Amino acid sequence: MLNEFSSVAKAFWMARDWCSQNAPANFELRLLNTRTSSRQYNTPSVSEVAVLVTSDFGQNTTSRDIIVNKKNSASKRISELHQLYMSLQYPLLFPYGETSYHERIPYHNNNRRRKTNRSFLTMREYCCYRIQQRDNEGTTLLRGGRLFQQYLVDAYTAIEEQRLRWLRNHQNDLWTNKYHNVCDAVTRGDTKVESIGKRIVLPSTYIGSPRYMMQNYQDAMALCREFDNPDLFITFTANPNWPEIDAMISFIVGQKPHDRVDIEARVFKLKLNGLIDEIMKDHIFGACQVGIYVIEFQKRGLPHAHILIWLKNQYKCHIPSDIDDLIPAEILSQTQDPEGYKVVTEYMLHGPCGGKHMDAPCINDGKCSKHFPKPYYAETTIDEEGYPNYWQRNNGVKVVKGKATFDNSQVVPYNRYLLLKYNAHINVEWCNRSRAIKYLFKYLNKGLDRATIVIQENLTTNSHIQSENIVEVDEIKSYLDC
C-alpha cells in the first residue's frame, strides 16, 4: 500500500539495502536507578515515550541528524522544518506522504479591526491544529497509539529547538551584558576566571528554564512575606476515567485513555480552571487573598497540580478543631454517606505499601516516604514543627481492595466537596504553621523532571558509571542536560 500511494516510500528502499549490507551495532540504553539528592532524577515508575535531547541541541549551526543519502550525490542533512520531515520520520502515520509544517504557511486573510500581527503560522500553532479531531478528516494520526505519542514528543522538541536556536542567535537582543558581572558569577557558582563574560543566557521569559523557576520561587516567597504562611496546600491529580475523556475517545473504537494523552491533558486543564475559579471566586474555603499553582507532568504518568491558597484572617483555621470541618482524614460511613464512602475509598487510600508490598513506588530504604500508615489520633493536633496530625480514629472501620485491607491510618487528607465534585485524587493539607515553608515553595518550583541515562555498546559486564561535576557556562546546554 505504501509503495502504491506514498510519495516518500521509495526513499526507504535504499535504507533497507544499507541495513542489509552493514552489520548493526549492538547498543543498550539503561536508566540509572541510583537516587540523587534531587528528586528530578528519580527513575520513572510507568512506561512512557521520551526523547533524548543531545548536548548540541539548539546550536545555531547544527540541526538534527536527519540524513538523506542520494545515490548520485553526497549525504545531505535536512532540517526539522522541511515539509517532508514528519512524513519521512513517520511513514505509517502519513501514508500518502503528506507535507507537514514549513515557515511560509500564511494565516487566513483577516480584514477585521483586530488584525493578526504575524503573517505566517508558528510551528506550535500548526501542531496544535494538527492533533485536533475533526469529523471531516481522517484519524490515522490519532490512531497511532505509542507512535502518536512519539510524534507529539518529536513535535514538541522541534518547537523547543526552534525557540532555543532563536535565543542563541539573539543574545544581544536579550541585554545579556547585565548578567556578566562578578556578583552574578559568584551567585551562580562559577569559579573559573575564563568562564566569566562568555555566557550564553537562557532568560526567565523561557518557560521552564532555571531563571524562570527561580523567579517564580522568589515571587512566591514575596507573597509569603506579605501575606504570611499559606493556609492550604492542595494537590489535584488527573483521573483518566473522567466521563469527558471516555466520551471523546469513544469516537474512535478501541481507544483507551492512555492512547490519547493529549485529551487527558486538555480535560485536566479545564477541570483545574474550574477548581481555581471555585476557590478564588466562589470562595468554597472562604474569601481568599491570593493563590498560586504549578502543573507537573511527572514520571508517574498523569498530570497534577500543586496549589497554595492564602485565606483572609476571618476564614483561617485558628484552632485545631477548625481543621476538622475543612479537612477530614477518615473513611466515611458507608450507610450514612455512601457517595462520600465511594470516592474516599476509590481515590484517597494510600498504598498498599510495606510488608508484602516492599516494591511500592513510595518505599525508600525499607520505609514509606509518605510516612504511612499514620498513627491514630483521637483529635487533631499540631506538632512542634507546625505539621498537623489529623483526626484519625482507630474505630475498626476497614476497607478491602483486592488483596489489601485499609483502615483510617492509610487515608490521605481530603475535602469531601472537592472529591464529589471532581471525582479525582485531591489531597488537601493545612500548612499555616509549618517551619518548612521555604522548602514547600522550592518543591513547587524545582523545575522539570529529568532522568539519568547511559548508552553503551555491547554491554556484557557490569560497568561502573562515573560522573563529573562540570561547570557549564552555556545556560541553554545546562537547561537541556541530556
Protein backbone atom coordinates (compact mmCIF):
# COMPACT_ATOMS: atom_id res chain seq x y z
CA MET A 1 0.00 0.00 0.00
CA LEU A 2 2.85 2.39 0.87
CA ASN A 3 4.62 1.59 -2.41
CA GLU A 4 1.44 2.41 -4.29
CA PHE A 5 0.25 5.55 -2.51
CA SER A 6 3.12 7.10 -0.53
CA SER A 7 5.25 9.69 -2.31
CA VAL A 8 8.18 9.06 0.06
CA ALA A 9 8.13 5.26 0.38
CA LYS A 10 10.83 4.74 -2.23
CA ALA A 11 13.20 6.81 -0.09
CA PHE A 12 13.29 3.88 2.34
CA TRP A 13 14.34 1.28 -0.21
CA MET A 14 17.93 2.50 -0.08
CA ALA A 15 17.85 2.50 3.73
CA ARG A 16 16.70 -1.15 3.63
CA ASP A 17 19.59 -2.05 1.31
CA TRP A 18 22.06 -0.20 3.52
CA CYS A 19 20.86 -2.05 6.66
CA SER A 20 21.16 -5.42 4.92
CA GLN A 21 24.72 -4.67 3.77
CA ASN A 22 26.02 -3.29 7.10
CA ALA A 23 26.08 -5.32 10.30
CA PRO A 24 24.17 -3.45 13.00
CA ALA A 25 25.98 -2.49 16.21
CA ASN A 26 24.63 -3.84 19.48
CA PHE A 27 23.65 -0.95 21.77
CA GLU A 28 21.76 -0.92 25.04
CA LEU A 29 20.09 2.03 26.74
CA ARG A 30 19.68 1.97 30.51
CA LEU A 31 18.01 4.29 33.01
CA LEU A 32 20.29 4.69 36.01
CA ASN A 33 18.39 3.74 39.15
CA THR A 34 20.67 5.49 41.67
CA ARG A 35 18.84 8.08 43.73
CA THR A 36 20.45 11.51 43.82
CA SER A 37 19.96 14.50 46.07
CA SER A 38 17.39 15.86 43.60
CA ARG A 39 14.00 14.22 43.04
CA GLN A 40 14.16 15.47 39.46
CA TYR A 41 16.37 12.48 38.59
CA ASN A 42 14.24 9.71 40.11
CA THR A 43 13.61 6.91 37.63
CA PRO A 44 10.13 6.72 36.05
CA SER A 45 7.60 4.37 37.65
CA VAL A 46 5.50 3.96 34.49
CA SER A 47 6.25 3.28 30.83
CA GLU A 48 6.28 6.50 28.82
CA VAL A 49 7.54 7.79 25.50
CA ALA A 50 10.53 10.10 25.92
CA VAL A 51 13.17 11.81 23.79
CA LEU A 52 16.88 12.14 24.50
CA VAL A 53 17.95 15.75 23.95
CA THR A 54 21.61 15.77 22.98
CA SER A 55 24.11 18.39 24.09
CA ASP A 56 24.28 20.17 20.73
CA PHE A 57 20.53 20.76 20.65
CA GLY A 58 19.74 24.40 19.95
CA GLN A 59 23.08 25.27 18.36
CA ASN A 60 22.99 27.95 15.71
CA THR A 61 24.93 25.97 13.09
CA THR A 62 23.84 22.36 13.50
CA SER A 63 20.49 20.67 13.11
CA ARG A 64 19.17 17.21 13.83
CA ASP A 65 20.88 14.16 12.42
CA ILE A 66 18.31 13.62 9.66
CA ILE A 67 20.49 12.49 6.78
CA VAL A 68 19.34 11.64 3.28
CA ASN A 69 21.75 9.57 1.17
CA LYS A 70 21.23 10.02 -2.54
CA LYS A 71 22.77 7.57 -4.98
CA ASN A 72 24.08 10.27 -7.28
CA SER A 73 25.30 12.78 -4.68
CA ALA A 74 26.76 13.08 -1.22
CA SER A 75 24.85 12.79 2.03
CA LYS A 76 22.55 15.69 2.83
CA ARG A 77 21.40 16.81 6.25
CA ILE A 78 17.82 18.14 6.30
CA SER A 79 16.09 20.37 8.83
CA GLU A 80 13.11 19.51 11.04
CA LEU A 81 11.44 22.44 9.27
CA HIS A 82 11.45 20.52 5.98
CA GLN A 83 7.93 19.89 4.64
CA LEU A 84 8.52 16.13 4.40
CA TYR A 85 10.29 15.70 7.73
CA MET A 86 7.31 14.14 9.54
CA SER A 87 6.36 12.01 6.53
CA LEU A 88 9.89 10.61 6.36
CA GLN A 89 10.08 10.14 10.12
CA TYR A 90 6.60 8.53 10.46
CA PRO A 91 5.59 6.96 7.13
CA LEU A 92 2.84 4.88 8.78
CA LEU A 93 1.19 7.97 10.30
CA PHE A 94 1.34 9.83 6.97
CA PRO A 95 0.75 7.02 4.45
CA TYR A 96 0.28 9.38 1.50
CA GLY A 97 3.50 11.27 2.16
CA GLU A 98 1.61 14.40 3.19
CA THR A 99 3.59 17.59 3.56
CA SER A 100 3.92 18.99 7.06
CA TYR A 101 4.91 22.30 8.59
CA HIS A 102 7.07 24.88 6.87
CA GLU A 103 7.78 28.50 7.73
CA ARG A 104 5.69 30.08 4.95
CA ILE A 105 2.19 28.81 5.81
CA PRO A 106 0.09 32.03 5.74
CA TYR A 107 -2.66 32.95 8.15
CA HIS A 108 -6.18 33.23 6.78
CA ASN A 109 -6.78 36.72 5.44
CA ASN A 110 -8.00 38.81 8.35
CA ASN A 111 -9.65 42.06 7.30
CA ARG A 112 -11.29 42.75 10.64
CA ARG A 113 -10.36 45.55 13.02
CA ARG A 114 -8.02 43.38 15.10
CA LYS A 115 -5.62 42.01 12.51
CA THR A 116 -3.09 39.29 13.16
CA ASN A 117 0.37 40.70 13.81
CA ARG A 118 2.24 37.83 12.16
CA SER A 119 1.79 36.79 8.54
CA PHE A 120 2.66 33.11 8.91
CA LEU A 121 1.86 30.24 11.27
CA THR A 122 4.25 29.20 14.02
CA MET A 123 5.21 25.56 14.44
CA ARG A 124 3.32 25.37 17.75
CA GLU A 125 0.12 26.65 16.14
CA TYR A 126 0.43 24.16 13.31
CA CYS A 127 0.96 21.20 15.68
CA CYS A 128 -1.98 22.29 17.87
CA TYR A 129 -4.17 22.38 14.78
CA ARG A 130 -2.86 19.04 13.50
CA ILE A 131 -3.69 16.97 16.60
CA GLN A 132 -7.33 18.11 16.84
CA GLN A 133 -10.03 15.55 16.00
CA ARG A 134 -12.50 16.62 13.30
CA ASP A 135 -15.47 14.81 11.78
CA ASN A 136 -14.47 15.64 8.20
CA GLU A 137 -10.85 14.46 8.49
CA GLY A 138 -9.14 11.10 8.73
CA THR A 139 -7.92 9.87 12.12
CA THR A 140 -4.82 7.94 11.03
CA LEU A 141 -2.51 10.11 13.15
CA LEU A 142 -4.74 9.91 16.23
CA ARG A 143 -4.94 6.10 15.99
CA GLY A 144 -1.16 5.75 16.25
CA GLY A 145 -1.07 4.82 19.95
CA ARG A 146 2.52 4.95 21.20
CA LEU A 147 3.66 6.11 17.77
CA PHE A 148 1.27 9.07 18.05
CA GLN A 149 2.83 9.87 21.42
CA GLN A 150 6.26 9.71 19.81
CA TYR A 151 5.03 12.15 17.17
CA LEU A 152 3.87 14.54 19.92
CA VAL A 153 7.22 14.34 21.71
CA ASP A 154 9.10 14.82 18.44
CA ALA A 155 6.97 17.83 17.51
CA TYR A 156 7.47 19.33 20.97
CA THR A 157 11.25 19.04 20.79
CA ALA A 158 11.24 20.55 17.29
CA ILE A 159 9.34 23.56 18.67
CA GLU A 160 11.76 23.85 21.59
CA GLU A 161 14.74 23.62 19.27
CA GLN A 162 13.40 26.41 17.10
CA ARG A 163 12.88 28.64 20.16
CA LEU A 164 16.28 27.88 21.68
CA ARG A 165 18.04 28.49 18.39
CA TRP A 166 16.41 31.93 18.23
CA LEU A 167 17.58 32.71 21.78
CA ARG A 168 21.11 31.59 20.99
CA ASN A 169 21.26 33.74 17.87
CA HIS A 170 19.77 36.83 19.54
CA GLN A 171 21.79 37.12 22.73
CA ASN A 172 22.46 40.79 22.04
CA ASP A 173 18.70 41.47 21.90
CA LEU A 174 18.31 39.96 25.39
CA TRP A 175 20.64 42.51 27.07
CA THR A 176 22.80 39.66 28.30
CA ASN A 177 25.55 42.07 29.31
CA LYS A 178 23.62 42.80 32.50
CA TYR A 179 24.32 39.20 33.62
CA HIS A 180 28.07 39.47 33.01
CA ASN A 181 29.35 40.80 36.29
CA VAL A 182 31.31 39.44 39.22
CA CYS A 183 28.32 39.28 41.61
CA ASP A 184 26.28 37.21 39.18
CA ALA A 185 29.25 34.90 38.61
CA VAL A 186 29.65 34.30 42.34
CA THR A 187 25.90 33.69 42.74
CA ARG A 188 25.80 31.02 40.06
CA GLY A 189 28.95 29.34 41.38
CA ASP A 190 31.42 29.99 38.56
CA THR A 191 34.93 29.52 39.92
CA LYS A 192 36.86 29.66 36.64
CA VAL A 193 38.06 33.08 35.60
CA GLU A 194 37.96 32.22 31.91
CA SER A 195 34.25 31.48 32.08
CA ILE A 196 33.24 34.98 33.18
CA GLY A 197 31.99 37.08 30.29
CA LYS A 198 31.44 34.09 27.96
CA ARG A 199 27.95 33.05 28.96
CA ILE A 200 25.00 32.05 26.78
CA VAL A 201 21.96 33.27 28.74
CA LEU A 202 18.61 31.49 28.88
CA PRO A 203 16.24 34.27 30.06
CA SER A 204 13.43 33.99 32.59
CA THR A 205 10.88 34.50 29.80
CA TYR A 206 11.64 30.95 28.60
CA ILE A 207 9.10 28.77 30.44
CA GLY A 208 10.73 26.00 32.45
CA SER A 209 14.23 27.50 32.46
CA PRO A 210 16.15 27.76 35.77
CA ARG A 211 15.76 31.55 35.78
CA TYR A 212 12.02 31.18 35.18
CA MET A 213 11.66 28.75 38.08
CA MET A 214 13.83 30.87 40.39
CA GLN A 215 11.85 33.99 39.53
CA ASN A 216 8.60 32.20 40.37
CA TYR A 217 10.13 30.93 43.61
CA GLN A 218 11.18 34.43 44.62
CA ASP A 219 7.73 35.80 43.73
CA ALA A 220 6.13 33.10 45.89
CA MET A 221 8.41 33.94 48.81
CA ALA A 222 7.49 37.61 48.39
CA LEU A 223 3.82 36.64 48.68
CA CYS A 224 4.66 34.67 51.80
CA ARG A 225 6.40 37.70 53.29
CA GLU A 226 3.42 39.94 52.51
CA PHE A 227 0.57 37.59 53.48
CA ASP A 228 2.35 35.28 55.97
CA ASN A 229 2.29 31.49 55.57
CA PRO A 230 -0.25 29.97 53.15
CA ASP A 231 -3.19 28.16 54.69
CA LEU A 232 -3.95 25.29 52.30
CA PHE A 233 -1.75 23.07 50.14
CA ILE A 234 -3.84 21.19 47.55
CA THR A 235 -2.64 18.50 45.14
CA PHE A 236 -5.05 17.79 42.26
CA THR A 237 -4.29 14.73 40.08
CA ALA A 238 -5.92 13.90 36.75
CA ASN A 239 -8.33 10.96 36.56
CA PRO A 240 -8.06 9.04 33.25
CA ASN A 241 -11.59 7.68 33.77
CA TRP A 242 -13.35 11.05 33.73
CA PRO A 243 -16.56 10.79 31.64
CA GLU A 244 -15.39 13.67 29.40
CA ILE A 245 -12.35 11.61 28.39
CA ASP A 246 -14.45 8.49 27.82
CA ALA A 247 -16.88 10.47 25.65
CA MET A 248 -14.06 11.81 23.48
CA ILE A 249 -12.17 8.57 22.93
CA SER A 250 -15.43 6.75 22.13
CA PHE A 251 -15.40 8.41 18.69
CA ILE A 252 -12.57 6.03 17.75
CA VAL A 253 -13.49 2.44 18.57
CA GLY A 254 -10.99 0.56 20.72
CA GLN A 255 -9.04 3.54 22.04
CA LYS A 256 -8.03 3.72 25.71
CA PRO A 257 -7.31 6.86 27.76
CA HIS A 258 -3.56 6.17 27.72
CA ASP A 259 -3.66 6.27 23.91
CA ARG A 260 -4.79 9.93 23.97
CA VAL A 261 -2.65 11.75 26.49
CA ASP A 262 -3.50 14.96 24.65
CA ILE A 263 -7.16 14.60 25.65
CA GLU A 264 -6.20 13.75 29.24
CA ALA A 265 -4.13 16.93 29.48
CA ARG A 266 -6.85 19.10 27.94
CA VAL A 267 -9.62 17.82 30.20
CA PHE A 268 -7.34 18.15 33.24
CA LYS A 269 -6.64 21.81 32.42
CA LEU A 270 -10.37 22.51 32.07
CA LYS A 271 -11.05 20.85 35.44
CA LEU A 272 -8.17 22.73 37.05
CA ASN A 273 -9.50 26.05 35.75
CA GLY A 274 -12.87 25.19 37.30
CA LEU A 275 -11.25 24.28 40.63
CA ILE A 276 -9.24 27.52 40.75
CA ASP A 277 -12.37 29.56 39.99
CA GLU A 278 -14.30 27.82 42.76
CA ILE A 279 -11.54 28.53 45.27
CA MET A 280 -10.70 32.11 44.26
CA LYS A 281 -14.07 33.43 43.03
CA ASP A 282 -16.75 31.26 44.65
CA HIS A 283 -14.82 31.10 47.97
CA ILE A 284 -15.60 27.48 48.83
CA PHE A 285 -12.96 27.69 51.60
CA GLY A 286 -13.80 31.30 52.42
CA ALA A 287 -12.53 34.57 50.94
CA CYS A 288 -9.01 34.22 49.51
CA GLN A 289 -6.24 36.81 49.44
CA VAL A 290 -4.05 35.17 46.83
CA GLY A 291 -3.22 31.77 45.33
CA ILE A 292 -0.55 30.14 43.15
CA TYR A 293 -0.35 26.79 41.38
CA VAL A 294 2.13 24.71 39.40
CA ILE A 295 1.26 21.96 36.91
CA GLU A 296 3.64 19.00 36.79
CA PHE A 297 3.95 16.17 34.29
CA GLN A 298 5.98 13.84 36.44
CA LYS A 299 7.26 10.37 35.64
CA ARG A 300 4.17 8.71 37.13
CA GLY A 301 2.05 9.06 34.04
CA LEU A 302 -0.62 11.65 34.95
CA PRO A 303 -0.51 15.46 35.16
CA HIS A 304 -1.18 17.02 38.55
CA ALA A 305 -1.24 20.49 40.05
CA HIS A 306 0.12 21.80 43.36
CA ILE A 307 -1.94 24.72 44.67
CA LEU A 308 -1.21 27.10 47.57
CA ILE A 309 -4.02 29.26 48.98
CA TRP A 310 -3.89 32.23 51.37
CA LEU A 311 -7.22 32.83 53.16
CA LYS A 312 -8.37 36.05 54.75
CA ASN A 313 -7.94 36.16 58.52
CA GLN A 314 -11.58 35.51 59.43
CA TYR A 315 -11.58 32.27 57.41
CA LYS A 316 -8.31 30.83 58.70
CA CYS A 317 -8.20 27.76 60.95
CA HIS A 318 -7.19 29.37 64.25
CA ILE A 319 -7.53 26.25 66.41
CA PRO A 320 -7.02 22.54 65.54
CA SER A 321 -10.74 21.77 65.76
CA ASP A 322 -11.36 24.21 62.87
CA ILE A 323 -9.33 21.92 60.62
CA ASP A 324 -11.73 19.00 61.20
CA ASP A 325 -14.60 20.78 59.42
CA LEU A 326 -12.41 21.50 56.41
CA ILE A 327 -10.08 18.51 56.08
CA PRO A 328 -11.22 15.09 57.28
CA ALA A 329 -8.85 12.11 57.09
CA GLU A 330 -11.13 9.17 57.81
CA ILE A 331 -13.17 6.67 55.83
CA LEU A 332 -16.76 7.95 55.74
CA SER A 333 -19.72 5.82 56.79
CA GLN A 334 -20.95 3.51 54.04
CA THR A 335 -24.52 3.63 55.35
CA GLN A 336 -24.81 7.33 56.26
CA ASP A 337 -22.74 8.74 53.37
CA PRO A 338 -22.47 6.15 50.56
CA GLU A 339 -21.32 8.71 47.96
CA GLY A 340 -18.57 10.03 50.22
CA TYR A 341 -17.54 6.49 51.15
CA LYS A 342 -17.21 5.58 47.47
CA VAL A 343 -14.96 8.49 46.46
CA VAL A 344 -12.77 8.26 49.59
CA THR A 345 -12.15 4.53 49.18
CA GLU A 346 -11.57 4.90 45.46
CA TYR A 347 -9.19 7.88 45.42
CA MET A 348 -7.87 8.72 48.89
CA LEU A 349 -6.35 5.48 50.23
CA HIS A 350 -2.56 5.31 50.19
CA GLY A 351 -0.87 2.08 49.26
CA PRO A 352 -0.69 -0.76 49.77
CA CYS A 353 2.95 -0.37 50.77
CA GLY A 354 5.31 -2.06 53.23
CA GLY A 355 5.07 -5.62 54.48
CA LYS A 356 4.27 -7.76 51.43
CA HIS A 357 4.42 -4.69 49.19
CA MET A 358 8.03 -3.54 49.51
CA ASP A 359 8.14 -2.88 45.76
CA ALA A 360 5.67 0.04 46.06
CA PRO A 361 6.89 3.32 44.47
CA CYS A 362 6.81 5.14 47.81
CA ILE A 363 9.19 2.70 49.56
CA ASN A 364 12.61 4.23 50.28
CA ASP A 365 15.18 2.44 52.46
CA GLY A 366 12.53 -0.02 53.58
CA LYS A 367 10.10 2.68 54.76
CA CYS A 368 7.21 4.59 53.21
CA SER A 369 8.49 8.02 52.16
CA LYS A 370 4.98 9.42 52.85
CA HIS A 371 5.05 8.04 56.44
CA PHE A 372 2.07 5.70 56.04
CA PRO A 373 0.39 4.13 57.91
CA LYS A 374 -0.20 7.20 60.10
CA PRO A 375 -0.61 6.98 63.89
CA TYR A 376 -4.17 7.12 65.24
CA TYR A 377 -5.31 10.38 66.85
CA ALA A 378 -8.49 10.95 68.84
CA GLU A 379 -8.39 14.65 67.92
CA THR A 380 -6.47 16.93 65.59
CA THR A 381 -3.21 18.31 66.98
CA ILE A 382 -0.29 20.35 65.63
CA ASP A 383 3.25 19.12 66.36
CA GLU A 384 6.35 21.16 67.21
CA GLU A 385 7.33 21.52 63.55
CA GLY A 386 3.95 23.01 62.70
CA TYR A 387 2.59 19.93 60.89
CA PRO A 388 -0.99 18.87 61.64
CA ASN A 389 -1.81 15.39 62.96
CA TYR A 390 -5.30 14.88 61.60
CA TRP A 391 -8.18 13.30 63.48
CA GLN A 392 -7.83 9.61 62.56
CA ARG A 393 -9.56 7.28 65.00
CA ASN A 394 -8.96 3.57 65.46
CA ASN A 395 -12.69 2.84 65.17
CA GLY A 396 -12.39 -0.54 63.45
CA VAL A 397 -13.59 0.66 60.03
CA LYS A 398 -11.79 -1.31 57.30
CA VAL A 399 -11.95 -1.50 53.51
CA VAL A 400 -10.80 -4.43 51.38
CA LYS A 401 -9.47 -3.61 47.90
CA GLY A 402 -8.05 -6.56 46.01
CA LYS A 403 -5.84 -8.46 48.44
CA ALA A 404 -5.11 -5.42 50.64
CA THR A 405 -7.00 -4.17 53.69
CA PHE A 406 -7.11 -0.45 54.54
CA ASP A 407 -8.20 1.50 57.62
CA ASN A 408 -8.13 5.14 58.77
CA SER A 409 -4.35 5.13 59.19
CA GLN A 410 -3.97 4.94 55.39
CA VAL A 411 -6.39 7.73 54.44
CA VAL A 412 -4.92 10.78 52.67
CA PRO A 413 -6.43 14.09 53.95
CA TYR A 414 -9.14 15.42 51.64
CA ASN A 415 -12.11 17.73 51.28
CA ARG A 416 -15.42 15.94 50.76
CA TYR A 417 -16.97 18.59 48.49
CA LEU A 418 -14.00 18.63 46.10
CA LEU A 419 -13.88 14.84 45.95
CA LEU A 420 -17.53 14.57 44.97
CA LYS A 421 -17.34 17.49 42.53
CA TYR A 422 -14.17 16.49 40.62
CA ASN A 423 -14.13 12.72 41.12
CA ALA A 424 -10.33 12.51 41.36
CA HIS A 425 -7.47 12.34 43.85
CA ILE A 426 -7.40 15.74 45.60
CA ASN A 427 -5.15 15.90 48.65
CA VAL A 428 -5.85 18.92 50.90
CA GLU A 429 -3.34 19.81 53.63
CA TRP A 430 -3.30 22.57 56.25
CA CYS A 431 0.15 24.22 56.25
CA ASN A 432 -0.18 27.58 58.04
CA ARG A 433 2.38 26.97 60.81
CA SER A 434 4.89 24.75 59.03
CA ARG A 435 8.52 25.74 59.61
CA ALA A 436 9.44 24.08 56.30
CA ILE A 437 7.53 26.65 54.24
CA LYS A 438 10.67 27.63 52.31
CA TYR A 439 11.11 24.06 51.10
CA LEU A 440 7.44 23.86 50.17
CA PHE A 441 7.95 26.71 47.72
CA LYS A 442 11.18 25.19 46.46
CA TYR A 443 9.34 21.91 45.83
CA LEU A 444 6.75 23.75 43.75
CA ASN A 445 9.45 25.43 41.66
CA LYS A 446 12.07 22.68 41.43
CA GLY A 447 11.85 22.53 37.65
CA LEU A 448 11.20 19.83 35.08
CA ASP A 449 11.68 16.14 35.77
CA ARG A 450 14.81 14.52 34.40
CA ALA A 451 16.36 11.07 34.10
CA THR A 452 19.97 9.83 34.08
CA ILE A 453 20.55 7.63 31.03
CA VAL A 454 23.59 5.82 29.64
CA ILE A 455 24.03 4.32 26.17
CA GLN A 456 26.67 1.59 25.95
CA GLU A 457 27.82 -0.69 23.16
CA ASN A 458 27.97 -4.46 23.68
CA LEU A 459 27.04 -4.30 27.35
CA THR A 460 28.04 -7.72 28.66
CA THR A 461 29.70 -6.95 32.01
CA ASN A 462 28.84 -4.78 34.95
CA SER A 463 30.49 -1.44 34.47
CA HIS A 464 30.92 1.42 36.90
CA ILE A 465 29.50 4.72 35.70
CA GLN A 466 31.22 7.81 37.00
CA SER A 467 30.01 11.35 36.60
CA GLU A 468 31.98 14.55 36.86
CA ASN A 469 30.76 17.92 38.05
CA ILE A 470 31.49 20.25 35.14
CA VAL A 471 30.88 23.97 35.46
CA GLU A 472 28.72 24.93 32.48
CA VAL A 473 28.82 28.44 31.08
CA ASP A 474 26.15 27.76 28.46
CA GLU A 475 22.75 28.05 30.18
CA ILE A 476 20.95 26.53 27.18
CA LYS A 477 23.13 23.40 27.39
CA SER A 478 22.68 23.27 31.15
CA TYR A 479 18.90 23.52 30.74
CA LEU A 480 18.82 20.66 28.21
CA ASP A 481 21.07 18.43 30.34
CA CYS A 482 20.67 15.19 28.39
